[in-house]
PDB file of all heavy atoms in Angstrom:
ATOM      1  N   HIS A   1     -19.254   5.856 -12.216  1.00  0.00           N
ATOM      2  CA  HIS A   1     -19.204   4.404 -12.019  1.00  0.00           C
ATOM      3  C   HIS A   1     -18.905   3.702 -13.259  1.00  0.00           C
ATOM      4  O   HIS A   1     -19.586   3.756 -14.218  1.00  0.00           O
ATOM      5  CB  HIS A   1     -20.562   3.862 -11.328  1.00  0.00           C
ATOM      6  CG  HIS A   1     -20.749   4.490  -9.919  1.00  0.00           C
ATOM      7  ND1 HIS A   1     -20.099   3.909  -8.773  1.00  0.00           N
ATOM      8  CD2 HIS A   1     -21.405   5.561  -9.546  1.00  0.00           C
ATOM      9  CE1 HIS A   1     -20.457   4.549  -7.751  1.00  0.00           C
ATOM     10  NE2 HIS A   1     -21.244   5.619  -8.203  1.00  0.00           N
ATOM     11  N   VAL A   2     -17.847   2.752 -13.329  1.00  0.00           N
ATOM     12  CA  VAL A   2     -17.399   2.093 -14.441  1.00  0.00           C
ATOM     13  C   VAL A   2     -17.173   0.686 -14.068  1.00  0.00           C
ATOM     14  O   VAL A   2     -16.267   0.393 -13.269  1.00  0.00           O
ATOM     15  CB  VAL A   2     -16.074   2.681 -15.073  1.00  0.00           C
ATOM     16  CG1 VAL A   2     -15.671   1.820 -16.265  1.00  0.00           C
ATOM     17  CG2 VAL A   2     -16.352   4.052 -15.485  1.00  0.00           C
ATOM     18  N   HIS A   3     -18.139  -0.211 -14.478  1.00  0.00           N
ATOM     19  CA  HIS A   3     -17.983  -1.618 -14.208  1.00  0.00           C
ATOM     20  C   HIS A   3     -17.973  -2.410 -15.650  1.00  0.00           C
ATOM     21  O   HIS A   3     -18.873  -2.233 -16.425  1.00  0.00           O
ATOM     22  CB  HIS A   3     -19.122  -2.080 -13.367  1.00  0.00           C
ATOM     23  CG  HIS A   3     -19.157  -1.487 -12.048  1.00  0.00           C
ATOM     24  ND1 HIS A   3     -18.444  -1.960 -10.993  1.00  0.00           N
ATOM     25  CD2 HIS A   3     -19.825  -0.372 -11.463  1.00  0.00           C
ATOM     26  CE1 HIS A   3     -18.632  -1.280  -9.882  1.00  0.00           C
ATOM     27  NE2 HIS A   3     -19.391  -0.306 -10.209  1.00  0.00           N
ATOM     28  N   VAL A   4     -16.980  -3.342 -15.710  1.00  0.00           N
ATOM     29  CA  VAL A   4     -16.882  -3.854 -17.040  1.00  0.00           C
ATOM     30  C   VAL A   4     -17.918  -4.846 -17.397  1.00  0.00           C
ATOM     31  O   VAL A   4     -18.458  -4.880 -18.530  1.00  0.00           O
ATOM     32  CB  VAL A   4     -15.575  -4.711 -17.014  1.00  0.00           C
ATOM     33  CG1 VAL A   4     -14.299  -3.713 -16.862  1.00  0.00           C
ATOM     34  CG2 VAL A   4     -15.446  -5.786 -15.911  1.00  0.00           C
ATOM     35  N   ASP A   5     -18.565  -5.459 -16.422  1.00  0.00           N
ATOM     36  CA  ASP A   5     -19.763  -6.322 -16.719  1.00  0.00           C
ATOM     37  C   ASP A   5     -20.968  -5.466 -17.148  1.00  0.00           C
ATOM     38  O   ASP A   5     -21.734  -5.848 -18.047  1.00  0.00           O
ATOM     39  CB  ASP A   5     -20.125  -7.237 -15.530  1.00  0.00           C
ATOM     40  CG  ASP A   5     -19.070  -8.205 -15.252  1.00  0.00           C
ATOM     41  OD1 ASP A   5     -18.367  -8.571 -16.234  1.00  0.00           O
ATOM     42  OD2 ASP A   5     -19.106  -8.884 -14.284  1.00  0.00           O
ATOM     43  N   SER A   6     -21.181  -4.298 -16.429  1.00  0.00           N
ATOM     44  CA  SER A   6     -22.306  -3.498 -16.902  1.00  0.00           C
ATOM     45  C   SER A   6     -22.163  -2.949 -18.236  1.00  0.00           C
ATOM     46  O   SER A   6     -23.160  -2.793 -19.012  1.00  0.00           O
ATOM     47  CB  SER A   6     -22.459  -2.368 -15.858  1.00  0.00           C
ATOM     48  OG  SER A   6     -22.689  -2.777 -14.462  1.00  0.00           O
ATOM     49  N   LEU A   7     -20.949  -2.548 -18.576  1.00  0.00           N
ATOM     50  CA  LEU A   7     -20.735  -2.007 -19.955  1.00  0.00           C
ATOM     51  C   LEU A   7     -20.624  -3.198 -21.045  1.00  0.00           C
ATOM     52  O   LEU A   7     -20.641  -2.921 -22.249  1.00  0.00           O
ATOM     53  CB  LEU A   7     -19.269  -1.360 -19.904  1.00  0.00           C
ATOM     54  CG  LEU A   7     -19.373  -0.002 -19.136  1.00  0.00           C
ATOM     55  CD1 LEU A   7     -17.946   0.645 -19.239  1.00  0.00           C
ATOM     56  CD2 LEU A   7     -20.289   1.024 -19.690  1.00  0.00           C
ATOM     57  N   GLN A   8     -20.382  -4.405 -20.496  1.00  0.00           N
ATOM     58  CA  GLN A   8     -20.425  -5.472 -21.446  1.00  0.00           C
ATOM     59  C   GLN A   8     -19.272  -5.374 -22.428  1.00  0.00           C
ATOM     60  O   GLN A   8     -19.440  -5.660 -23.673  1.00  0.00           O
ATOM     61  CB  GLN A   8     -21.731  -5.890 -22.119  1.00  0.00           C
ATOM     62  CG  GLN A   8     -22.855  -6.065 -21.054  1.00  0.00           C
ATOM     63  CD  GLN A   8     -24.022  -6.725 -21.665  1.00  0.00           C
ATOM     64  OE1 GLN A   8     -23.847  -7.635 -22.556  1.00  0.00           O
ATOM     65  NE2 GLN A   8     -25.289  -6.382 -21.246  1.00  0.00           N
ATOM     66  N   VAL A   9     -18.072  -5.083 -22.075  1.00  0.00           N
ATOM     67  CA  VAL A   9     -16.938  -4.798 -22.849  1.00  0.00           C
ATOM     68  C   VAL A   9     -15.997  -6.038 -22.694  1.00  0.00           C
ATOM     69  O   VAL A   9     -15.956  -6.599 -21.621  1.00  0.00           O
ATOM     70  CB  VAL A   9     -16.244  -3.515 -22.649  1.00  0.00           C
ATOM     71  CG1 VAL A   9     -17.158  -2.405 -23.049  1.00  0.00           C
ATOM     72  CG2 VAL A   9     -15.924  -3.352 -21.193  1.00  0.00           C
ATOM     73  N   ASP A  10     -15.122  -6.229 -23.607  1.00  0.00           N
ATOM     74  CA  ASP A  10     -14.112  -7.292 -23.579  1.00  0.00           C
ATOM     75  C   ASP A  10     -12.760  -6.698 -23.082  1.00  0.00           C
ATOM     76  O   ASP A  10     -11.909  -7.431 -22.626  1.00  0.00           O
ATOM     77  CB  ASP A  10     -14.032  -8.040 -24.858  1.00  0.00           C
ATOM     78  CG  ASP A  10     -15.305  -8.650 -25.328  1.00  0.00           C
ATOM     79  OD1 ASP A  10     -15.779  -9.553 -24.677  1.00  0.00           O
ATOM     80  OD2 ASP A  10     -15.997  -8.144 -26.238  1.00  0.00           O
ATOM     81  N   LEU A  11     -12.494  -5.537 -23.500  1.00  0.00           N
ATOM     82  CA  LEU A  11     -11.268  -4.881 -23.200  1.00  0.00           C
ATOM     83  C   LEU A  11     -11.632  -3.334 -22.735  1.00  0.00           C
ATOM     84  O   LEU A  11     -12.492  -2.746 -23.335  1.00  0.00           O
ATOM     85  CB  LEU A  11     -10.326  -4.773 -24.408  1.00  0.00           C
ATOM     86  CG  LEU A  11     -10.054  -6.125 -25.018  1.00  0.00           C
ATOM     87  CD1 LEU A  11     -10.580  -6.170 -26.407  1.00  0.00           C
ATOM     88  CD2 LEU A  11      -8.447  -6.369 -24.998  1.00  0.00           C
ATOM     89  N   LEU A  12     -10.900  -2.872 -21.743  1.00  0.00           N
ATOM     90  CA  LEU A  12     -11.144  -1.464 -21.299  1.00  0.00           C
ATOM     91  C   LEU A  12      -9.826  -0.807 -20.867  1.00  0.00           C
ATOM     92  O   LEU A  12      -9.110  -1.443 -20.092  1.00  0.00           O
ATOM     93  CB  LEU A  12     -12.219  -1.521 -20.158  1.00  0.00           C
ATOM     94  CG  LEU A  12     -12.730  -0.168 -19.638  1.00  0.00           C
ATOM     95  CD1 LEU A  12     -14.130  -0.210 -19.584  1.00  0.00           C
ATOM     96  CD2 LEU A  12     -11.903   0.089 -18.113  1.00  0.00           C
ATOM     97  N   THR A  13      -9.776   0.447 -21.267  1.00  0.00           N
ATOM     98  CA  THR A  13      -8.471   1.159 -21.100  1.00  0.00           C
ATOM     99  C   THR A  13      -8.575   2.046 -19.792  1.00  0.00           C
ATOM    100  O   THR A  13      -9.611   2.645 -19.599  1.00  0.00           O
ATOM    101  CB  THR A  13      -8.048   2.046 -22.245  1.00  0.00           C
ATOM    102  OG1 THR A  13      -7.687   1.171 -23.402  1.00  0.00           O
ATOM    103  CG2 THR A  13      -7.045   3.041 -21.947  1.00  0.00           C
ATOM    104  N   VAL A  14      -7.512   1.994 -18.974  1.00  0.00           N
ATOM    105  CA  VAL A  14      -7.594   2.918 -17.714  1.00  0.00           C
ATOM    106  C   VAL A  14      -6.264   3.630 -17.714  1.00  0.00           C
ATOM    107  O   VAL A  14      -5.232   3.165 -18.163  1.00  0.00           O
ATOM    108  CB  VAL A  14      -7.622   2.039 -16.389  1.00  0.00           C
ATOM    109  CG1 VAL A  14      -7.484   2.897 -15.117  1.00  0.00           C
ATOM    110  CG2 VAL A  14      -8.820   1.008 -16.413  1.00  0.00           C
ATOM    111  N   VAL A  15      -6.396   4.956 -17.237  1.00  0.00           N
ATOM    112  CA  VAL A  15      -5.124   5.835 -17.314  1.00  0.00           C
ATOM    113  C   VAL A  15      -4.961   6.383 -15.836  1.00  0.00           C
ATOM    114  O   VAL A  15      -5.854   6.960 -15.326  1.00  0.00           O
ATOM    115  CB  VAL A  15      -5.315   7.076 -18.274  1.00  0.00           C
ATOM    116  CG1 VAL A  15      -4.131   7.916 -18.344  1.00  0.00           C
ATOM    117  CG2 VAL A  15      -5.672   6.392 -19.710  1.00  0.00           C
ATOM    118  N   GLY A  16      -3.775   6.257 -15.361  1.00  0.00           N
ATOM    119  CA  GLY A  16      -3.488   6.719 -14.078  1.00  0.00           C
ATOM    120  C   GLY A  16      -3.567   8.227 -13.774  1.00  0.00           C
ATOM    121  O   GLY A  16      -4.130   8.698 -12.898  1.00  0.00           O
ATOM    122  N   HIS A  17      -3.083   9.034 -14.778  1.00  0.00           N
ATOM    123  CA  HIS A  17      -2.967  10.532 -14.471  1.00  0.00           C
ATOM    124  C   HIS A  17      -4.301  11.153 -14.682  1.00  0.00           C
ATOM    125  O   HIS A  17      -4.378  12.386 -14.534  1.00  0.00           O
ATOM    126  CB  HIS A  17      -1.845  11.152 -15.402  1.00  0.00           C
ATOM    127  CG  HIS A  17      -2.081  11.301 -16.705  1.00  0.00           C
ATOM    128  ND1 HIS A  17      -2.477  12.529 -17.288  1.00  0.00           N
ATOM    129  CD2 HIS A  17      -2.035  10.560 -17.817  1.00  0.00           C
ATOM    130  CE1 HIS A  17      -2.643  12.448 -18.490  1.00  0.00           C
ATOM    131  NE2 HIS A  17      -2.480  11.267 -18.959  1.00  0.00           N
ATOM    132  N   LYS A  18      -5.345  10.411 -15.064  1.00  0.00           N
ATOM    133  CA  LYS A  18      -6.676  11.131 -15.164  1.00  0.00           C
ATOM    134  C   LYS A  18      -7.437  10.785 -13.805  1.00  0.00           C
ATOM    135  O   LYS A  18      -8.587  11.366 -13.700  1.00  0.00           O
ATOM    136  CB  LYS A  18      -7.475  10.411 -16.252  1.00  0.00           C
ATOM    137  CG  LYS A  18      -6.850  10.549 -17.591  1.00  0.00           C
ATOM    138  CD  LYS A  18      -6.639  11.946 -18.262  1.00  0.00           C
ATOM    139  CE  LYS A  18      -6.222  11.870 -19.643  1.00  0.00           C
ATOM    140  NZ  LYS A  18      -5.912  13.266 -20.176  1.00  0.00           N
ATOM    141  N   MET A  19      -6.802  10.018 -12.948  1.00  0.00           N
ATOM    142  CA  MET A  19      -7.434   9.751 -11.670  1.00  0.00           C
ATOM    143  C   MET A  19      -6.535   9.804 -10.339  1.00  0.00           C
ATOM    144  O   MET A  19      -6.668   9.044  -9.502  1.00  0.00           O
ATOM    145  CB  MET A  19      -8.097   8.384 -11.756  1.00  0.00           C
ATOM    146  CG  MET A  19      -7.077   7.275 -12.172  1.00  0.00           C
ATOM    147  SD  MET A  19      -7.854   5.632 -12.466  1.00  0.00           S
ATOM    148  CE  MET A  19      -8.100   5.117 -10.746  1.00  0.00           C
ATOM    149  N   TYR A  20      -5.702  10.900 -10.499  1.00  0.00           N
ATOM    150  CA  TYR A  20      -4.876  11.304  -9.380  1.00  0.00           C
ATOM    151  C   TYR A  20      -3.712  10.499  -9.017  1.00  0.00           C
ATOM    152  O   TYR A  20      -3.209  10.295  -7.894  1.00  0.00           O
ATOM    153  CB  TYR A  20      -5.761  11.396  -8.107  1.00  0.00           C
ATOM    154  CG  TYR A  20      -6.965  12.345  -8.413  1.00  0.00           C
ATOM    155  CD1 TYR A  20      -8.263  11.813  -8.687  1.00  0.00           C
ATOM    156  CD2 TYR A  20      -6.821  13.761  -8.394  1.00  0.00           C
ATOM    157  CE1 TYR A  20      -9.322  12.647  -9.002  1.00  0.00           C
ATOM    158  CE2 TYR A  20      -7.862  14.531  -8.787  1.00  0.00           C
ATOM    159  CZ  TYR A  20      -9.174  14.044  -9.053  1.00  0.00           C
ATOM    160  OH  TYR A  20     -10.211  14.842  -9.334  1.00  0.00           O
ATOM    161  N   ALA A  21      -3.350   9.638 -10.003  1.00  0.00           N
ATOM    162  CA  ALA A  21      -2.128   8.840  -9.908  1.00  0.00           C
ATOM    163  C   ALA A  21      -1.082   9.563 -10.808  1.00  0.00           C
ATOM    164  O   ALA A  21      -1.366  10.452 -11.672  1.00  0.00           O
ATOM    165  CB  ALA A  21      -2.281   7.436 -10.396  1.00  0.00           C
ATOM    166  N   PRO A  22       0.172   8.970 -10.834  1.00  0.00           N
ATOM    167  CA  PRO A  22       1.166   9.662 -11.696  1.00  0.00           C
ATOM    168  C   PRO A  22       0.917   9.401 -13.169  1.00  0.00           C
ATOM    169  O   PRO A  22       0.215   8.446 -13.651  1.00  0.00           O
ATOM    170  CB  PRO A  22       2.465   9.033 -11.223  1.00  0.00           C
ATOM    171  CG  PRO A  22       2.251   8.382  -9.974  1.00  0.00           C
ATOM    172  CD  PRO A  22       0.866   8.028 -10.013  1.00  0.00           C
ATOM    173  N   LYS A  23       1.522  10.330 -13.987  1.00  0.00           N
ATOM    174  CA  LYS A  23       1.712  10.025 -15.405  1.00  0.00           C
ATOM    175  C   LYS A  23       2.582   8.830 -15.670  1.00  0.00           C
ATOM    176  O   LYS A  23       3.586   8.654 -14.843  1.00  0.00           O
ATOM    177  CB  LYS A  23       2.190  11.206 -16.223  1.00  0.00           C
ATOM    178  CG  LYS A  23       1.270  12.404 -15.968  1.00  0.00           C
ATOM    179  CD  LYS A  23       2.105  13.657 -16.558  1.00  0.00           C
ATOM    180  CE  LYS A  23       1.336  14.934 -16.149  1.00  0.00           C
ATOM    181  NZ  LYS A  23       1.218  15.230 -14.688  1.00  0.00           N
ATOM    182  N   GLY A  24       2.401   8.013 -16.590  1.00  0.00           N
ATOM    183  CA  GLY A  24       3.281   6.908 -16.978  1.00  0.00           C
ATOM    184  C   GLY A  24       2.793   5.582 -16.454  1.00  0.00           C
ATOM    185  O   GLY A  24       3.564   4.692 -16.526  1.00  0.00           O
ATOM    186  N   VAL A  25       1.546   5.507 -16.106  1.00  0.00           N
ATOM    187  CA  VAL A  25       1.036   4.140 -15.611  1.00  0.00           C
ATOM    188  C   VAL A  25      -0.338   4.103 -16.135  1.00  0.00           C
ATOM    189  O   VAL A  25      -1.223   5.016 -16.051  1.00  0.00           O
ATOM    190  CB  VAL A  25       1.172   3.915 -14.130  1.00  0.00           C
ATOM    191  CG1 VAL A  25       0.230   4.940 -13.352  1.00  0.00           C
ATOM    192  CG2 VAL A  25       0.823   2.499 -13.790  1.00  0.00           C
ATOM    193  N   GLY A  26      -0.760   2.951 -16.439  1.00  0.00           N
ATOM    194  CA  GLY A  26      -2.231   2.637 -16.947  1.00  0.00           C
ATOM    195  C   GLY A  26      -2.461   1.175 -16.895  1.00  0.00           C
ATOM    196  O   GLY A  26      -1.692   0.367 -16.314  1.00  0.00           O
ATOM    197  N   ALA A  27      -3.583   0.849 -17.459  1.00  0.00           N
ATOM    198  CA  ALA A  27      -3.898  -0.728 -17.347  1.00  0.00           C
ATOM    199  C   ALA A  27      -4.945  -1.023 -18.580  1.00  0.00           C
ATOM    200  O   ALA A  27      -5.589  -0.050 -19.090  1.00  0.00           O
ATOM    201  CB  ALA A  27      -4.522  -1.055 -16.058  1.00  0.00           C
ATOM    202  N   LEU A  28      -4.920  -2.246 -18.866  1.00  0.00           N
ATOM    203  CA  LEU A  28      -5.940  -2.664 -19.723  1.00  0.00           C
ATOM    204  C   LEU A  28      -6.701  -3.974 -19.304  1.00  0.00           C
ATOM    205  O   LEU A  28      -5.979  -4.837 -18.825  1.00  0.00           O
ATOM    206  CB  LEU A  28      -5.147  -3.202 -21.223  1.00  0.00           C
ATOM    207  CG  LEU A  28      -6.160  -3.683 -22.251  1.00  0.00           C
ATOM    208  CD1 LEU A  28      -7.100  -2.491 -22.799  1.00  0.00           C
ATOM    209  CD2 LEU A  28      -5.353  -4.371 -23.398  1.00  0.00           C
ATOM    210  N   TYR A  29      -7.927  -3.783 -19.093  1.00  0.00           N
ATOM    211  CA  TYR A  29      -8.728  -5.028 -18.611  1.00  0.00           C
ATOM    212  C   TYR A  29      -8.980  -5.805 -19.894  1.00  0.00           C
ATOM    213  O   TYR A  29      -9.242  -5.341 -20.959  1.00  0.00           O
ATOM    214  CB  TYR A  29     -10.116  -4.508 -18.200  1.00  0.00           C
ATOM    215  CG  TYR A  29     -11.176  -5.548 -18.141  1.00  0.00           C
ATOM    216  CD1 TYR A  29     -11.146  -6.606 -17.246  1.00  0.00           C
ATOM    217  CD2 TYR A  29     -12.102  -5.576 -19.172  1.00  0.00           C
ATOM    218  CE1 TYR A  29     -12.095  -7.608 -17.262  1.00  0.00           C
ATOM    219  CE2 TYR A  29     -13.098  -6.558 -19.254  1.00  0.00           C
ATOM    220  CZ  TYR A  29     -13.106  -7.711 -18.269  1.00  0.00           C
ATOM    221  OH  TYR A  29     -13.990  -8.667 -18.372  1.00  0.00           O
ATOM    222  N   VAL A  30      -8.748  -7.221 -19.664  1.00  0.00           N
ATOM    223  CA  VAL A  30      -8.907  -8.140 -20.793  1.00  0.00           C
ATOM    224  C   VAL A  30      -9.825  -9.287 -20.194  1.00  0.00           C
ATOM    225  O   VAL A  30      -9.464 -10.000 -19.152  1.00  0.00           O
ATOM    226  CB  VAL A  30      -7.573  -8.814 -21.141  1.00  0.00           C
ATOM    227  CG1 VAL A  30      -7.761  -9.729 -22.307  1.00  0.00           C
ATOM    228  CG2 VAL A  30      -6.586  -7.618 -21.564  1.00  0.00           C
ATOM    229  N   ARG A  31     -10.938  -9.423 -20.790  1.00  0.00           N
ATOM    230  CA  ARG A  31     -11.931 -10.459 -20.288  1.00  0.00           C
ATOM    231  C   ARG A  31     -11.322 -11.771 -20.589  1.00  0.00           C
ATOM    232  O   ARG A  31     -10.656 -12.055 -21.563  1.00  0.00           O
ATOM    233  CB  ARG A  31     -13.211 -10.287 -21.179  1.00  0.00           C
ATOM    234  CG  ARG A  31     -14.344 -11.210 -20.682  1.00  0.00           C
ATOM    235  CD  ARG A  31     -15.599 -11.003 -21.379  1.00  0.00           C
ATOM    236  NE  ARG A  31     -15.524 -11.116 -22.697  1.00  0.00           N
ATOM    237  CZ  ARG A  31     -15.674 -12.361 -23.456  1.00  0.00           C
ATOM    238  NH1 ARG A  31     -15.776 -13.430 -22.717  1.00  0.00           N
ATOM    239  NH2 ARG A  31     -15.456 -12.444 -24.743  1.00  0.00           N
TER     240      ARG A  31
END
């Protein structure tokens, strides 16, 4: 379980191919 508020972070990196999506896509959470 990864929740940005629980971790109290301002930016968080997500990667698609580590979670059963294709390589070549990801995201950055920005508070």
